[in-house]
Amino acid sequence: MAIFLNNKVGFKLGATPIDFSDHVTAFTLSRNADQIEVTAMGSDSHQFVTGLSADSLTISLLNDNAASGAGSVRATLQAAYGTTVAFKAIQDSTAAVSATNPLYSGTILIDNLTDINGAVADEAMLDLTYTCNSKTAVATTGTW
C-alpha cells in the first residue's frame, strides 16, 4: 500500500509572489459552485447547472515578526489587509507542474487577520480562512 504524505504543499501570495511554503502547517482549498436548478416541465428529476464559483482557502501559517521581505507573514498580510491579492498553491512544491501535480491560482480577499494568537510557550500561529474573489484556475503546465 502506498503512503501519501501531504507535507510539501506550496503557497505563494501577491502579484510578485512571496513564497510562504516553509510557513504552512495546514492548507485547504475548497472549490465550490452554486447549483442553479433548470428543471423543465415534464422532467422526471431535478436538473442543475453550475452557477457562480464560491471557492475558499483555509490556511494555518507559522507567524513571524520579520519587518518585511520574503517570508514575512505578518507584514505581508497586514499590507494586503482589505485588498484582493493573487495566490498560487500546489500539492507538491518540490515537483514540476503536471497533470498529477496541478497548479491552482486565483485571487483572495484579505478581509481578516489574527494578529495575536496563542498562550505561554505556544508557537505563533495564524489560522485564516479567505474567500476567493475569482474562480480558481487549475493548470497542468507552467511554472510554480
N, C-alpha and C. Protein backbone atom coordinates (compact mmCIF):
# COMPACT_ATOMS: atom_id res chain seq x y z
N MET A 1 0.84 -1.17 0.00
CA MET A 1 0.00 0.00 0.00
C MET A 1 0.88 1.24 0.00
N ALA A 2 0.56 2.18 -0.87
CA ALA A 2 1.31 3.44 -0.93
C ALA A 2 0.91 4.34 0.22
N ILE A 3 1.88 5.09 0.69
CA ILE A 3 1.63 6.07 1.75
C ILE A 3 1.79 7.45 1.14
N PHE A 4 0.79 8.26 1.32
CA PHE A 4 0.79 9.60 0.74
C PHE A 4 0.93 10.63 1.85
N LEU A 5 2.03 11.34 1.85
CA LEU A 5 2.24 12.40 2.83
C LEU A 5 1.89 13.73 2.18
N ASN A 6 1.22 14.56 2.92
CA ASN A 6 0.79 15.86 2.43
C ASN A 6 1.64 16.94 3.07
N ASN A 7 2.96 16.81 2.92
CA ASN A 7 3.83 17.73 3.63
C ASN A 7 4.70 18.58 2.72
N LYS A 8 4.30 18.73 1.46
CA LYS A 8 5.08 19.55 0.53
C LYS A 8 4.21 20.60 -0.15
N VAL A 9 3.06 20.92 0.44
CA VAL A 9 2.16 21.90 -0.15
C VAL A 9 2.88 23.23 -0.27
N GLY A 10 2.75 23.85 -1.45
CA GLY A 10 3.35 25.15 -1.69
C GLY A 10 2.29 26.22 -1.73
N PHE A 11 2.61 27.41 -1.19
CA PHE A 11 1.67 28.52 -1.18
C PHE A 11 2.43 29.81 -1.39
N LYS A 12 2.01 30.58 -2.40
CA LYS A 12 2.60 31.88 -2.69
C LYS A 12 1.49 32.92 -2.71
N LEU A 13 1.83 34.13 -2.29
CA LEU A 13 0.84 35.20 -2.17
C LEU A 13 1.38 36.48 -2.75
N GLY A 14 0.55 37.19 -3.52
CA GLY A 14 0.90 38.51 -4.03
C GLY A 14 1.20 38.52 -5.52
N ALA A 15 1.19 39.74 -6.08
CA ALA A 15 1.46 39.92 -7.51
C ALA A 15 2.89 39.52 -7.84
N THR A 16 3.83 39.91 -6.99
CA THR A 16 5.20 39.43 -7.06
C THR A 16 5.26 38.40 -5.96
N PRO A 17 4.97 37.13 -6.28
CA PRO A 17 4.66 36.15 -5.23
C PRO A 17 5.74 36.00 -4.15
N ILE A 18 5.26 36.05 -2.92
CA ILE A 18 6.11 35.74 -1.76
C ILE A 18 5.79 34.30 -1.39
N ASP A 19 6.82 33.49 -1.29
CA ASP A 19 6.67 32.07 -1.02
C ASP A 19 6.56 31.82 0.48
N PHE A 20 5.37 31.37 0.91
CA PHE A 20 5.13 31.04 2.32
C PHE A 20 5.16 29.54 2.57
N SER A 21 5.65 28.77 1.62
CA SER A 21 5.60 27.31 1.73
C SER A 21 6.24 26.80 3.01
N ASP A 22 7.33 27.43 3.45
CA ASP A 22 8.01 26.97 4.66
C ASP A 22 7.32 27.43 5.94
N HIS A 23 6.21 28.17 5.82
CA HIS A 23 5.42 28.61 6.98
C HIS A 23 4.10 27.84 7.11
N VAL A 24 3.72 27.08 6.07
CA VAL A 24 2.43 26.40 6.03
C VAL A 24 2.46 25.14 6.90
N THR A 25 1.46 25.03 7.79
CA THR A 25 1.31 23.80 8.58
C THR A 25 0.04 23.04 8.20
N ALA A 26 -0.92 23.73 7.60
CA ALA A 26 -2.15 23.09 7.11
C ALA A 26 -2.72 23.96 6.00
N PHE A 27 -3.34 23.31 5.01
CA PHE A 27 -3.84 24.05 3.86
C PHE A 27 -5.04 23.33 3.27
N THR A 28 -6.11 24.08 3.02
CA THR A 28 -7.29 23.52 2.35
C THR A 28 -7.77 24.52 1.31
N LEU A 29 -7.91 24.05 0.09
CA LEU A 29 -8.53 24.83 -0.97
C LEU A 29 -9.82 24.13 -1.33
N SER A 30 -10.94 24.80 -1.09
CA SER A 30 -12.26 24.22 -1.39
C SER A 30 -12.82 24.92 -2.62
N ARG A 31 -13.10 24.13 -3.65
CA ARG A 31 -13.69 24.67 -4.86
C ARG A 31 -15.16 24.29 -4.88
N ASN A 32 -16.01 25.28 -4.88
CA ASN A 32 -17.46 25.08 -4.85
C ASN A 32 -18.12 25.97 -5.89
N ALA A 33 -19.30 25.58 -6.29
CA ALA A 33 -20.07 26.39 -7.22
C ALA A 33 -21.54 26.34 -6.82
N ASP A 34 -22.22 27.43 -7.09
CA ASP A 34 -23.66 27.44 -6.85
C ASP A 34 -24.33 26.43 -7.79
N GLN A 35 -25.43 25.86 -7.31
CA GLN A 35 -26.24 24.99 -8.15
C GLN A 35 -27.47 25.78 -8.58
N ILE A 36 -27.70 25.83 -9.87
CA ILE A 36 -28.87 26.53 -10.39
C ILE A 36 -29.81 25.48 -10.98
N GLU A 37 -31.03 25.45 -10.46
CA GLU A 37 -31.99 24.47 -10.96
C GLU A 37 -32.55 24.92 -12.30
N VAL A 38 -32.55 23.99 -13.25
CA VAL A 38 -33.06 24.26 -14.59
C VAL A 38 -34.06 23.18 -15.01
N THR A 39 -34.78 22.66 -14.03
CA THR A 39 -35.76 21.61 -14.30
C THR A 39 -36.90 22.18 -15.14
N ALA A 40 -37.20 21.49 -16.20
CA ALA A 40 -38.28 21.92 -17.09
C ALA A 40 -39.52 21.06 -16.85
N MET A 41 -40.66 21.58 -17.25
CA MET A 41 -41.90 20.82 -17.16
C MET A 41 -41.74 19.49 -17.89
N GLY A 42 -42.26 18.45 -17.32
CA GLY A 42 -42.19 17.13 -17.92
C GLY A 42 -40.96 16.33 -17.50
N SER A 43 -40.02 16.96 -16.80
CA SER A 43 -38.84 16.23 -16.33
C SER A 43 -39.24 15.27 -15.23
N ASP A 44 -38.53 14.16 -15.12
CA ASP A 44 -38.84 13.21 -14.06
C ASP A 44 -37.83 13.30 -12.90
N SER A 45 -36.93 14.29 -12.96
CA SER A 45 -36.00 14.54 -11.85
C SER A 45 -35.53 15.99 -11.92
N HIS A 46 -35.02 16.48 -10.82
CA HIS A 46 -34.46 17.83 -10.81
C HIS A 46 -33.20 17.84 -11.67
N GLN A 47 -32.96 18.96 -12.34
CA GLN A 47 -31.76 19.13 -13.16
C GLN A 47 -31.10 20.43 -12.77
N PHE A 48 -29.76 20.40 -12.74
CA PHE A 48 -29.00 21.55 -12.28
C PHE A 48 -27.85 21.86 -13.24
N VAL A 49 -27.42 23.11 -13.24
CA VAL A 49 -26.21 23.53 -13.93
C VAL A 49 -25.34 24.27 -12.91
N THR A 50 -24.09 24.41 -13.25
CA THR A 50 -23.16 25.12 -12.39
C THR A 50 -23.36 26.61 -12.52
N GLY A 51 -23.41 27.28 -11.38
CA GLY A 51 -23.54 28.73 -11.35
C GLY A 51 -22.20 29.37 -11.02
N LEU A 52 -22.26 30.42 -10.23
CA LEU A 52 -21.05 31.16 -9.88
C LEU A 52 -20.16 30.35 -8.95
N SER A 53 -18.88 30.59 -9.08
CA SER A 53 -17.88 29.93 -8.24
C SER A 53 -17.92 30.52 -6.83
N ALA A 54 -17.69 29.67 -5.83
CA ALA A 54 -17.68 30.11 -4.43
C ALA A 54 -16.54 29.40 -3.70
N ASP A 55 -15.31 29.60 -4.19
CA ASP A 55 -14.14 28.92 -3.64
C ASP A 55 -13.66 29.60 -2.36
N SER A 56 -12.92 28.83 -1.55
CA SER A 56 -12.34 29.39 -0.33
C SER A 56 -11.02 28.71 -0.03
N LEU A 57 -10.21 29.39 0.75
CA LEU A 57 -8.89 28.90 1.11
C LEU A 57 -8.74 29.01 2.63
N THR A 58 -8.38 27.92 3.29
CA THR A 58 -8.13 27.91 4.72
C THR A 58 -6.69 27.50 4.92
N ILE A 59 -5.96 28.30 5.69
CA ILE A 59 -4.54 28.06 5.84
C ILE A 59 -4.09 28.30 7.27
N SER A 60 -3.21 27.46 7.74
CA SER A 60 -2.54 27.66 9.02
C SER A 60 -1.08 27.98 8.71
N LEU A 61 -0.63 29.09 9.25
CA LEU A 61 0.74 29.55 8.99
C LEU A 61 1.48 29.76 10.29
N LEU A 62 2.75 29.44 10.29
CA LEU A 62 3.62 29.85 11.37
C LEU A 62 3.87 31.34 11.18
N ASN A 63 3.60 32.12 12.19
CA ASN A 63 3.76 33.57 12.09
C ASN A 63 5.21 33.95 12.33
N ASP A 64 5.55 35.14 11.94
CA ASP A 64 6.88 35.67 12.24
C ASP A 64 6.78 37.16 12.49
N ASN A 65 7.86 37.72 12.97
CA ASN A 65 7.89 39.15 13.28
C ASN A 65 8.83 39.91 12.36
N ALA A 66 9.20 39.31 11.24
CA ALA A 66 10.07 40.00 10.30
C ALA A 66 9.40 41.28 9.82
N ALA A 67 10.19 42.32 9.67
CA ALA A 67 9.64 43.63 9.30
C ALA A 67 9.09 43.63 7.88
N SER A 68 9.75 42.99 6.97
CA SER A 68 9.30 42.94 5.58
C SER A 68 10.16 41.95 4.82
N GLY A 69 9.82 41.76 3.55
CA GLY A 69 10.63 40.90 2.70
C GLY A 69 10.06 39.51 2.56
N ALA A 70 10.81 38.68 1.87
CA ALA A 70 10.37 37.32 1.57
C ALA A 70 10.11 36.54 2.85
N GLY A 71 8.93 35.94 2.91
CA GLY A 71 8.59 35.12 4.05
C GLY A 71 8.05 35.86 5.25
N SER A 72 7.90 37.16 5.16
CA SER A 72 7.38 37.94 6.28
C SER A 72 5.86 37.82 6.31
N VAL A 73 5.35 36.92 7.13
CA VAL A 73 3.92 36.62 7.15
C VAL A 73 3.10 37.81 7.63
N ARG A 74 3.36 38.27 8.85
CA ARG A 74 2.55 39.35 9.44
C ARG A 74 2.61 40.62 8.59
N ALA A 75 3.81 41.04 8.20
CA ALA A 75 3.95 42.28 7.42
C ALA A 75 3.26 42.18 6.06
N THR A 76 3.37 41.03 5.40
CA THR A 76 2.75 40.85 4.09
C THR A 76 1.23 40.88 4.19
N LEU A 77 0.69 40.15 5.16
CA LEU A 77 -0.77 40.12 5.32
C LEU A 77 -1.30 41.48 5.77
N GLN A 78 -0.58 42.17 6.65
CA GLN A 78 -1.02 43.49 7.11
C GLN A 78 -1.06 44.47 5.94
N ALA A 79 -0.05 44.43 5.08
CA ALA A 79 -0.02 45.33 3.92
C ALA A 79 -1.15 45.01 2.94
N ALA A 80 -1.57 43.74 2.88
CA ALA A 80 -2.63 43.33 1.95
C ALA A 80 -4.03 43.44 2.54
N TYR A 81 -4.12 43.74 3.83
CA TYR A 81 -5.42 43.77 4.51
C TYR A 81 -6.41 44.70 3.80
N GLY A 82 -7.60 44.16 3.52
CA GLY A 82 -8.65 44.93 2.87
C GLY A 82 -8.56 44.94 1.35
N THR A 83 -7.63 44.18 0.80
CA THR A 83 -7.46 44.15 -0.65
C THR A 83 -7.58 42.72 -1.18
N THR A 84 -7.66 42.62 -2.48
CA THR A 84 -7.67 41.33 -3.15
C THR A 84 -6.27 41.07 -3.71
N VAL A 85 -5.72 39.90 -3.40
CA VAL A 85 -4.37 39.57 -3.85
C VAL A 85 -4.36 38.21 -4.55
N ALA A 86 -3.38 38.02 -5.39
CA ALA A 86 -3.22 36.75 -6.11
C ALA A 86 -2.62 35.70 -5.20
N PHE A 87 -3.00 34.44 -5.46
CA PHE A 87 -2.37 33.32 -4.76
C PHE A 87 -2.06 32.21 -5.75
N LYS A 88 -1.10 31.38 -5.37
CA LYS A 88 -0.77 30.15 -6.09
C LYS A 88 -0.62 29.06 -5.05
N ALA A 89 -1.07 27.87 -5.39
CA ALA A 89 -0.92 26.72 -4.50
C ALA A 89 -0.64 25.49 -5.33
N ILE A 90 0.13 24.58 -4.75
CA ILE A 90 0.47 23.34 -5.44
C ILE A 90 0.61 22.23 -4.40
N GLN A 91 0.22 21.02 -4.76
CA GLN A 91 0.27 19.89 -3.83
C GLN A 91 1.69 19.56 -3.41
N ASP A 92 2.60 19.51 -4.39
CA ASP A 92 4.00 19.16 -4.11
C ASP A 92 4.90 20.24 -4.69
N SER A 93 5.38 21.13 -3.83
CA SER A 93 6.17 22.26 -4.29
C SER A 93 7.57 21.86 -4.76
N THR A 94 7.94 20.60 -4.55
CA THR A 94 9.27 20.14 -4.98
C THR A 94 9.22 19.47 -6.35
N ALA A 95 8.03 19.32 -6.92
CA ALA A 95 7.88 18.66 -8.22
C ALA A 95 7.34 19.66 -9.25
N ALA A 96 7.52 19.32 -10.51
CA ALA A 96 7.06 20.17 -11.60
C ALA A 96 5.53 20.16 -11.69
N VAL A 97 4.99 21.23 -12.23
CA VAL A 97 3.55 21.30 -12.51
C VAL A 97 3.23 20.26 -13.57
N SER A 98 2.19 19.46 -13.33
CA SER A 98 1.84 18.39 -14.27
C SER A 98 0.39 18.00 -14.05
N ALA A 99 -0.07 17.03 -14.80
CA ALA A 99 -1.44 16.54 -14.65
C ALA A 99 -1.65 15.93 -13.27
N THR A 100 -0.61 15.37 -12.69
CA THR A 100 -0.73 14.76 -11.35
C THR A 100 -0.30 15.72 -10.24
N ASN A 101 0.18 16.90 -10.59
CA ASN A 101 0.58 17.92 -9.62
C ASN A 101 0.18 19.30 -10.15
N PRO A 102 -1.14 19.53 -10.26
CA PRO A 102 -1.59 20.78 -10.89
C PRO A 102 -1.30 22.02 -10.03
N LEU A 103 -1.23 23.14 -10.72
CA LEU A 103 -1.05 24.44 -10.08
C LEU A 103 -2.41 25.11 -9.98
N TYR A 104 -2.76 25.55 -8.78
CA TYR A 104 -4.01 26.25 -8.53
C TYR A 104 -3.70 27.73 -8.34
N SER A 105 -4.49 28.59 -8.96
CA SER A 105 -4.25 30.03 -8.80
C SER A 105 -5.57 30.78 -8.86
N GLY A 106 -5.54 31.96 -8.27
CA GLY A 106 -6.72 32.81 -8.24
C GLY A 106 -6.43 34.03 -7.39
N THR A 107 -7.50 34.64 -6.89
CA THR A 107 -7.35 35.79 -6.01
C THR A 107 -8.19 35.58 -4.76
N ILE A 108 -7.69 36.12 -3.65
CA ILE A 108 -8.42 36.05 -2.38
C ILE A 108 -8.54 37.45 -1.78
N LEU A 109 -9.62 37.65 -1.06
CA LEU A 109 -9.84 38.90 -0.33
C LEU A 109 -9.25 38.74 1.06
N ILE A 110 -8.25 39.54 1.38
CA ILE A 110 -7.64 39.51 2.71
C ILE A 110 -8.52 40.39 3.61
N ASP A 111 -9.55 39.77 4.19
CA ASP A 111 -10.53 40.53 4.97
C ASP A 111 -10.50 40.20 6.46
N ASN A 112 -9.55 39.34 6.87
CA ASN A 112 -9.43 39.05 8.30
C ASN A 112 -8.00 38.67 8.62
N LEU A 113 -7.57 39.04 9.80
CA LEU A 113 -6.24 38.70 10.31
C LEU A 113 -6.37 38.31 11.77
N THR A 114 -5.47 37.49 12.24
CA THR A 114 -5.38 37.18 13.66
C THR A 114 -3.99 37.63 14.07
N ASP A 115 -3.88 38.90 14.43
CA ASP A 115 -2.57 39.49 14.70
C ASP A 115 -1.87 38.87 15.90
N ILE A 116 -2.64 38.54 16.94
CA ILE A 116 -2.07 37.93 18.14
C ILE A 116 -2.88 36.70 18.46
N ASN A 117 -2.18 35.57 18.64
CA ASN A 117 -2.87 34.31 18.89
C ASN A 117 -1.94 33.39 19.66
N GLY A 118 -2.39 32.85 20.78
CA GLY A 118 -1.58 31.87 21.48
C GLY A 118 -1.52 32.08 22.98
N ALA A 119 -0.87 31.14 23.61
CA ALA A 119 -0.69 31.16 25.05
C ALA A 119 0.80 31.00 25.35
N VAL A 120 1.14 30.99 26.62
CA VAL A 120 2.53 30.85 27.04
C VAL A 120 3.15 29.63 26.39
N ALA A 121 4.30 29.83 25.76
CA ALA A 121 5.11 28.80 25.12
C ALA A 121 4.48 28.19 23.87
N ASP A 122 3.38 28.74 23.36
CA ASP A 122 2.81 28.27 22.09
C ASP A 122 3.64 28.79 20.93
N GLU A 123 3.59 28.06 19.82
CA GLU A 123 4.17 28.59 18.60
C GLU A 123 3.24 29.68 18.08
N ALA A 124 3.79 30.65 17.40
CA ALA A 124 3.00 31.75 16.86
C ALA A 124 2.31 31.26 15.58
N MET A 125 1.00 31.07 15.65
CA MET A 125 0.22 30.52 14.54
C MET A 125 -0.85 31.49 14.07
N LEU A 126 -1.16 31.41 12.80
CA LEU A 126 -2.30 32.10 12.22
C LEU A 126 -3.18 31.05 11.56
N ASP A 127 -4.44 30.99 11.92
CA ASP A 127 -5.41 30.12 11.26
C ASP A 127 -6.40 31.03 10.56
N LEU A 128 -6.36 31.04 9.23
CA LEU A 128 -7.11 32.02 8.45
C LEU A 128 -7.95 31.34 7.38
N THR A 129 -9.11 31.92 7.10
CA THR A 129 -9.96 31.47 6.01
C THR A 129 -10.29 32.67 5.14
N TYR A 130 -10.07 32.51 3.84
CA TYR A 130 -10.32 33.59 2.90
C TYR A 130 -11.25 33.12 1.78
N THR A 131 -12.11 34.02 1.34
CA THR A 131 -12.99 33.77 0.21
C THR A 131 -12.27 34.16 -1.06
N CYS A 132 -12.37 33.32 -2.06
CA CYS A 132 -11.76 33.64 -3.35
C CYS A 132 -12.62 34.65 -4.08
N ASN A 133 -11.97 35.61 -4.71
CA ASN A 133 -12.67 36.62 -5.49
C ASN A 133 -12.63 36.29 -6.98
N SER A 134 -12.23 35.08 -7.28
CA SER A 134 -12.19 34.62 -8.66
C SER A 134 -12.39 33.11 -8.65
N LYS A 135 -12.74 32.59 -9.79
CA LYS A 135 -12.79 31.13 -9.93
C LYS A 135 -11.35 30.64 -9.90
N THR A 136 -11.10 29.59 -9.17
CA THR A 136 -9.74 29.05 -9.07
C THR A 136 -9.37 28.36 -10.38
N ALA A 137 -8.25 28.80 -10.96
CA ALA A 137 -7.75 28.20 -12.19
C ALA A 137 -6.90 26.98 -11.85
N VAL A 138 -7.01 25.96 -12.65
CA VAL A 138 -6.22 24.74 -12.47
C VAL A 138 -5.40 24.53 -13.74
N ALA A 139 -4.07 24.55 -13.59
CA ALA A 139 -3.17 24.39 -14.74
C ALA A 139 -2.32 23.14 -14.58
N THR A 140 -2.11 22.44 -15.68
CA THR A 140 -1.26 21.24 -15.65
C THR A 140 0.09 21.48 -16.31
N THR A 141 0.30 22.72 -16.77
CA THR A 141 1.60 23.13 -17.30
C THR A 141 1.91 24.51 -16.75
N GLY A 142 3.13 24.89 -16.83
CA GLY A 142 3.52 26.22 -16.36
C GLY A 142 4.59 26.15 -15.29
N THR A 143 4.85 27.29 -14.70
CA THR A 143 5.90 27.41 -13.70
C THR A 143 5.29 27.66 -12.34
N TRP A 144 5.74 26.91 -11.36
CA TRP A 144 5.29 27.10 -9.99
C TRP A 144 5.97 28.32 -9.47
